[in-house]
């Protein structure tokens, strides 16, 4: 007899509860590590304004632990709770090599377009009456960028490897398990519309990063991951796409630093953009590859 499926709202509550529990668990382990290494006075590290400079290794370890606790473990727990066949529940089926190559090409050609959308989003201005809100948003964006910049300082291959793990592999695996593996199917079942499921998940995926001036490109990126899953029924493909997107930033930053560029100089190069025809080529190539991807999978998974 098939197992009775729980209501989507209940599954969403379980998922959020598991994520909060994972975050608290990661916080507890972090506190124990700090006390073990720095004593009970080590709590001051958390409020140290120079924490990213003086304790960068500790901060990276905390970041990795938090990502695992909040995004990797909760969807695995939910899948085991909801189905004995948790691999099938999360759609962790092995994709064909053709779809793997197509996914990689889709992400590589989309990078200039994502960059262009990010530049446009960054130039967004709120009405004059909301100027205080805009200033607060930009301050939060600046704080987040400062933290990322500290992480992206890499002196050698060891730092590159750790950053690929922390900023590319674990986020790609965890966030895709959480958002596309669990949240997207939950919203699709709840609304009885897979399109709504994709876009609701993409909006939440972007909002949870709390980076307002990158909201639109991140939302569209989340929707792209959602369609890759919908059409292929293989979660490994959006995981791969997410990893390529994040890893490209880490690797290119490392290459530029090897050439003597500072993080500020690299950020300035990104803000300057590139030749407009590159953006046009990126858009056209992305549409063509996405259509080809859809045609390759449409015989088995039709869009609702």
Protein backbone atom coordinates (compact mmCIF):
# COMPACT_ATOMS: atom_id res chain seq x y z
CA UNK A 1 0.00 0.00 0.00
CA UNK A 2 1.40 3.44 -0.91
CA UNK A 3 2.22 5.71 2.01
CA UNK A 4 -0.32 8.49 2.60
CA UNK A 5 1.15 11.84 1.56
CA UNK A 6 1.17 14.65 4.10
CA UNK A 7 -0.36 18.02 3.33
CA UNK A 8 2.12 20.43 1.64
CA UNK A 9 1.69 23.00 4.42
CA UNK A 10 2.68 20.41 7.01
CA UNK A 11 5.72 19.45 4.92
CA UNK A 12 6.71 23.11 4.65
CA UNK A 13 6.41 23.47 8.43
CA UNK A 14 8.59 20.40 8.89
CA UNK A 15 11.19 21.75 6.46
CA UNK A 16 11.38 25.15 8.16
CA UNK A 17 11.49 23.52 11.61
CA UNK A 18 14.32 21.22 10.54
CA UNK A 19 16.20 24.23 9.12
CA UNK A 20 15.81 26.18 12.36
CA UNK A 21 16.89 23.13 14.31
CA UNK A 22 19.90 22.70 12.05
CA UNK A 23 20.81 26.36 12.53
CA UNK A 24 20.54 26.04 16.31
CA UNK A 25 22.56 22.83 16.23
CA UNK A 26 25.27 24.52 14.17
CA UNK A 27 25.25 27.46 16.61
CA UNK A 28 25.65 25.09 19.56
CA UNK A 29 28.55 23.26 17.95
CA UNK A 30 30.11 26.61 17.07
CA UNK A 31 29.82 27.77 20.68
CA UNK A 32 31.46 24.56 21.91
CA UNK A 33 34.32 24.95 19.42
CA UNK A 34 34.88 28.58 20.44
CA UNK A 35 34.86 27.70 24.15
CA UNK A 36 37.23 24.76 23.54
CA UNK A 37 39.70 26.95 21.64
CA UNK A 38 39.33 30.35 23.30
CA UNK A 39 37.71 29.66 26.68
CA UNK A 40 34.53 31.21 27.95
CA UNK A 41 35.80 34.67 27.03
CA UNK A 42 35.79 33.55 23.40
CA UNK A 43 32.21 34.77 23.04
CA UNK A 44 33.72 38.23 22.46
CA UNK A 45 34.95 36.94 19.09
CA UNK A 46 31.41 37.04 17.75
CA UNK A 47 31.17 40.80 18.30
CA UNK A 48 34.74 41.56 17.24
CA UNK A 49 34.59 44.00 14.27
CA UNK A 50 37.81 42.49 12.93
CA UNK A 51 36.59 38.91 13.19
CA UNK A 52 36.96 38.26 9.46
CA UNK A 53 40.57 39.41 9.59
CA UNK A 54 41.68 37.84 12.85
CA UNK A 55 39.67 34.60 12.80
CA UNK A 56 39.03 33.91 9.11
CA UNK A 57 39.61 30.15 9.43
CA UNK A 58 37.13 29.92 12.30
CA UNK A 59 34.58 31.99 10.39
CA UNK A 60 34.89 29.76 7.33
CA UNK A 61 34.39 26.68 9.49
CA UNK A 62 31.29 28.26 11.03
CA UNK A 63 29.98 29.12 7.56
CA UNK A 64 30.43 25.54 6.33
CA UNK A 65 28.82 24.10 9.46
CA UNK A 66 25.88 26.50 9.26
CA UNK A 67 25.25 25.70 5.59
CA UNK A 68 25.20 21.98 6.30
CA UNK A 69 22.92 22.40 9.30
CA UNK A 70 20.44 24.73 7.59
CA UNK A 71 20.33 23.44 4.02
CA UNK A 72 21.89 19.99 3.59
CA UNK A 73 20.46 18.03 6.53
CA UNK A 74 16.84 19.36 6.63
CA UNK A 75 15.83 18.17 3.13
CA UNK A 76 17.44 14.78 3.78
CA UNK A 77 15.45 14.47 7.02
CA UNK A 78 12.24 15.55 5.30
CA UNK A 79 12.77 13.07 2.48
CA UNK A 80 13.34 10.21 4.92
CA UNK A 81 10.25 11.27 6.88
CA UNK A 82 8.04 11.48 3.80
CA UNK A 83 9.24 8.46 1.83
CA UNK A 84 11.25 5.30 2.28
CA UNK A 85 12.64 5.93 -1.20
CA UNK A 86 14.25 9.22 -0.26
CA UNK A 87 16.56 9.27 -3.28
CA UNK A 88 13.55 9.14 -5.60
CA UNK A 89 11.69 11.68 -3.44
CA UNK A 90 14.52 14.18 -3.93
CA UNK A 91 14.87 13.18 -7.62
CA UNK A 92 18.53 12.33 -7.13
CA UNK A 93 18.54 10.13 -10.22
CA UNK A 94 21.62 9.91 -12.40
CA UNK A 95 21.28 12.17 -15.47
CA UNK A 96 22.53 11.30 -18.93
CA UNK A 97 25.86 12.72 -20.04
CA UNK A 98 24.09 14.68 -22.79
CA UNK A 99 21.97 16.54 -20.22
CA UNK A 100 25.03 17.13 -18.04
CA UNK A 101 26.86 18.74 -20.98
CA UNK A 102 23.79 20.78 -21.93
CA UNK A 103 23.43 22.02 -18.35
CA UNK A 104 27.07 23.06 -18.22
CA UNK A 105 26.75 24.92 -21.54
CA UNK A 106 23.54 26.63 -20.38
CA UNK A 107 25.28 27.98 -17.30
CA UNK A 108 28.43 29.04 -19.09
CA UNK A 109 26.59 31.01 -21.79
CA UNK A 110 24.22 32.56 -19.21
CA UNK A 111 26.99 34.11 -17.10
CA UNK A 112 27.32 37.37 -19.13
CA UNK A 113 23.53 37.82 -19.10
CA UNK A 114 23.41 37.29 -15.34
CA UNK A 115 26.19 39.86 -14.99
CA UNK A 116 24.21 42.36 -17.08
CA UNK A 117 21.05 41.86 -15.03
CA UNK A 118 23.06 42.32 -11.84
CA UNK A 119 24.43 45.62 -13.15
CA UNK A 120 20.91 46.82 -13.98
CA UNK A 121 19.54 45.71 -10.60
CA UNK A 122 22.37 47.51 -8.80
CA UNK A 123 21.35 50.80 -10.44
CA UNK A 124 17.82 50.53 -9.04
CA UNK A 125 16.60 53.52 -7.05
CA UNK A 126 13.53 53.74 -4.84
CA UNK A 127 11.22 56.81 -4.82
CA UNK A 128 12.41 59.83 -2.85
CA UNK A 129 10.02 59.04 -0.01
CA UNK A 130 11.75 55.69 0.48
CA UNK A 131 15.28 57.09 0.42
CA UNK A 132 15.95 56.00 4.02
CA UNK A 133 14.93 52.44 3.12
CA UNK A 134 17.19 52.48 0.07
CA UNK A 135 20.13 53.71 2.17
CA UNK A 136 19.52 50.88 4.67
CA UNK A 137 19.36 48.35 1.83
CA UNK A 138 22.60 49.62 0.33
CA UNK A 139 24.33 49.50 3.72
CA UNK A 140 23.24 45.87 4.16
CA UNK A 141 24.45 45.11 0.64
CA UNK A 142 27.79 46.72 1.43
CA UNK A 143 28.16 44.70 4.65
CA UNK A 144 27.40 41.45 2.82
CA UNK A 145 29.85 42.31 0.04
CA UNK A 146 32.55 43.14 2.60
CA UNK A 147 32.15 39.70 4.17
CA UNK A 148 32.30 37.97 0.77
CA UNK A 149 35.37 39.99 -0.18
CA UNK A 150 37.18 38.76 2.93
CA UNK A 151 36.31 35.17 2.05
CA UNK A 152 37.53 35.62 -1.52
CA UNK A 153 41.07 36.65 -0.56
CA UNK A 154 43.08 33.58 -1.61
CA UNK A 155 46.82 33.18 -1.14
CA UNK A 156 47.14 29.75 -2.72
CA UNK A 157 45.49 26.54 -3.86
CA UNK A 158 44.53 25.62 -0.28
CA UNK A 159 42.41 28.77 0.01
CA UNK A 160 40.95 28.12 -3.44
CA UNK A 161 39.96 24.58 -2.46
CA UNK A 162 38.34 25.69 0.80
CA UNK A 163 36.41 28.45 -0.99
CA UNK A 164 35.19 26.08 -3.68
CA UNK A 165 33.90 23.84 -0.89
CA UNK A 166 32.40 26.66 1.18
CA UNK A 167 31.07 28.99 -1.54
CA UNK A 168 30.32 26.61 -4.40
CA UNK A 169 29.92 22.92 -3.56
CA UNK A 170 28.06 23.04 -0.23
CA UNK A 171 25.71 25.92 -1.25
CA UNK A 172 24.95 24.22 -4.58
CA UNK A 173 24.19 20.91 -2.91
CA UNK A 174 22.38 22.27 0.14
CA UNK A 175 20.34 25.06 -1.45
CA UNK A 176 19.21 22.89 -4.35
CA UNK A 177 18.20 20.07 -2.01
CA UNK A 178 16.32 22.58 0.13
CA UNK A 179 14.70 24.81 -2.49
CA UNK A 180 14.34 22.76 -5.66
CA UNK A 181 14.37 19.31 -4.02
CA UNK A 182 11.81 20.06 -1.29
CA UNK A 183 10.30 23.54 -1.43
CA UNK A 184 9.48 23.62 -5.15
CA UNK A 185 7.53 20.32 -5.09
CA UNK A 186 5.75 21.46 -1.92
CA UNK A 187 4.53 24.70 -3.54
CA UNK A 188 3.71 22.88 -6.78
CA UNK A 189 1.49 20.40 -4.91
CA UNK A 190 -0.03 23.08 -2.72
CA UNK A 191 -0.98 25.38 -5.63
CA UNK A 192 -1.52 22.52 -8.10
CA UNK A 193 0.60 24.49 -10.55
CA UNK A 194 4.24 23.69 -11.28
CA UNK A 195 4.86 27.14 -12.76
CA UNK A 196 3.76 28.80 -9.53
CA UNK A 197 5.91 26.34 -7.58
CA UNK A 198 8.99 27.30 -9.59
CA UNK A 199 8.51 31.06 -9.24
CA UNK A 200 7.45 31.10 -5.59
CA UNK A 201 10.53 29.06 -4.76
CA UNK A 202 12.73 31.33 -6.89
CA UNK A 203 11.42 34.43 -5.08
CA UNK A 204 12.06 32.92 -1.65
CA UNK A 205 15.44 31.61 -2.79
CA UNK A 206 16.49 35.13 -3.77
CA UNK A 207 14.93 36.87 -0.76
CA UNK A 208 16.63 34.59 1.78
CA UNK A 209 20.04 35.87 0.65
CA UNK A 210 19.03 39.37 1.87
CA UNK A 211 20.94 41.08 -0.93
CA UNK A 212 18.38 43.47 -2.36
CA UNK A 213 20.39 44.81 -5.29
CA UNK A 214 20.98 41.33 -6.62
CA UNK A 215 17.40 40.16 -6.12
CA UNK A 216 16.26 40.05 -9.76
CA UNK A 217 19.19 38.09 -11.28
CA UNK A 218 19.20 35.67 -8.35
CA UNK A 219 15.44 35.13 -8.68
CA UNK A 220 15.77 34.45 -12.42
CA UNK A 221 18.67 32.13 -11.72
CA UNK A 222 16.50 30.26 -9.23
CA UNK A 223 13.75 29.97 -11.84
CA UNK A 224 16.28 28.60 -14.35
CA UNK A 225 17.31 25.93 -11.82
CA UNK A 226 13.63 25.19 -11.28
CA UNK A 227 12.97 24.58 -14.98
CA UNK A 228 16.03 22.37 -15.28
CA UNK A 229 14.51 20.20 -12.56
CA UNK A 230 10.97 20.32 -13.94
CA UNK A 231 11.99 19.29 -17.45
CA UNK A 232 14.60 16.68 -16.53
CA UNK A 233 13.28 15.35 -13.19
CA UNK A 234 16.96 15.14 -12.15
CA UNK A 235 18.04 17.30 -9.19
CA UNK A 236 21.72 16.73 -9.96
CA UNK A 237 21.36 19.08 -12.96
CA UNK A 238 20.35 22.22 -11.02
CA UNK A 239 22.97 21.25 -8.43
CA UNK A 240 25.56 21.20 -11.23
CA UNK A 241 24.28 24.50 -12.65
CA UNK A 242 24.39 26.16 -9.22
CA UNK A 243 27.92 24.87 -8.62
CA UNK A 244 29.16 26.18 -11.99
CA UNK A 245 27.67 29.61 -11.29
CA UNK A 246 29.34 29.90 -7.87
CA UNK A 247 32.59 28.17 -8.78
CA UNK A 248 33.12 30.47 -11.77
CA UNK A 249 33.17 33.49 -9.46
CA UNK A 250 35.63 31.83 -7.07
CA UNK A 251 37.98 30.60 -9.82
CA UNK A 252 38.01 33.84 -11.84
CA UNK A 253 38.65 35.83 -8.66
CA UNK A 254 41.55 33.52 -7.83
CA UNK A 255 43.01 33.90 -11.35
CA UNK A 256 42.78 37.69 -11.19
CA UNK A 257 44.48 37.70 -7.78
CA UNK A 258 47.29 35.55 -9.18
CA UNK A 259 47.75 38.29 -11.81
CA UNK A 260 48.12 40.91 -9.07
CA UNK A 261 44.60 42.37 -8.96
CA UNK A 262 43.10 43.28 -5.58
CA UNK A 263 39.53 42.35 -4.63
CA UNK A 264 38.45 45.98 -5.06
CA UNK A 265 39.96 46.10 -8.54
CA UNK A 266 38.20 42.86 -9.48
CA UNK A 267 34.87 44.22 -8.25
CA UNK A 268 35.43 47.38 -10.28
CA UNK A 269 36.06 45.31 -13.42
CA UNK A 270 32.75 43.50 -12.84
CA UNK A 271 30.92 46.83 -12.51
CA UNK A 272 32.36 48.06 -15.80
CA UNK A 273 30.72 45.17 -17.63
CA UNK A 274 31.72 44.02 -21.09
CA UNK A 275 30.90 44.54 -24.76
CA UNK A 276 27.08 44.78 -25.29
CA UNK A 277 27.13 42.20 -28.09
CA UNK A 278 28.39 39.66 -25.57
CA UNK A 279 25.16 40.14 -23.59
CA UNK A 280 23.08 39.71 -26.74
CA UNK A 281 24.95 36.53 -27.67
CA UNK A 282 24.48 35.27 -24.11
CA UNK A 283 20.71 35.80 -24.28
CA UNK A 284 20.28 34.19 -27.71
CA UNK A 285 22.50 31.22 -26.87
CA UNK A 286 20.71 30.70 -23.55
CA UNK A 287 17.27 30.65 -25.20
CA UNK A 288 18.46 28.20 -27.86
CA UNK A 289 20.11 25.86 -25.36
CA UNK A 290 17.14 25.96 -22.98
CA UNK A 291 14.82 25.10 -25.86
CA UNK A 292 17.08 22.23 -26.89
CA UNK A 293 17.17 21.03 -23.27
CA UNK A 294 13.37 21.14 -23.12
CA UNK A 295 13.02 19.21 -26.38
CA UNK A 296 15.42 16.56 -25.10
CA UNK A 297 13.25 15.95 -22.04
CA UNK A 298 9.71 16.91 -23.15
CA UNK A 299 8.79 13.43 -24.29
CA UNK A 300 8.96 12.30 -20.65
CA UNK A 301 8.16 15.41 -18.59
CA UNK A 302 5.60 17.79 -20.00
CA UNK A 303 5.31 21.36 -18.74
CA UNK A 304 2.03 22.02 -16.94
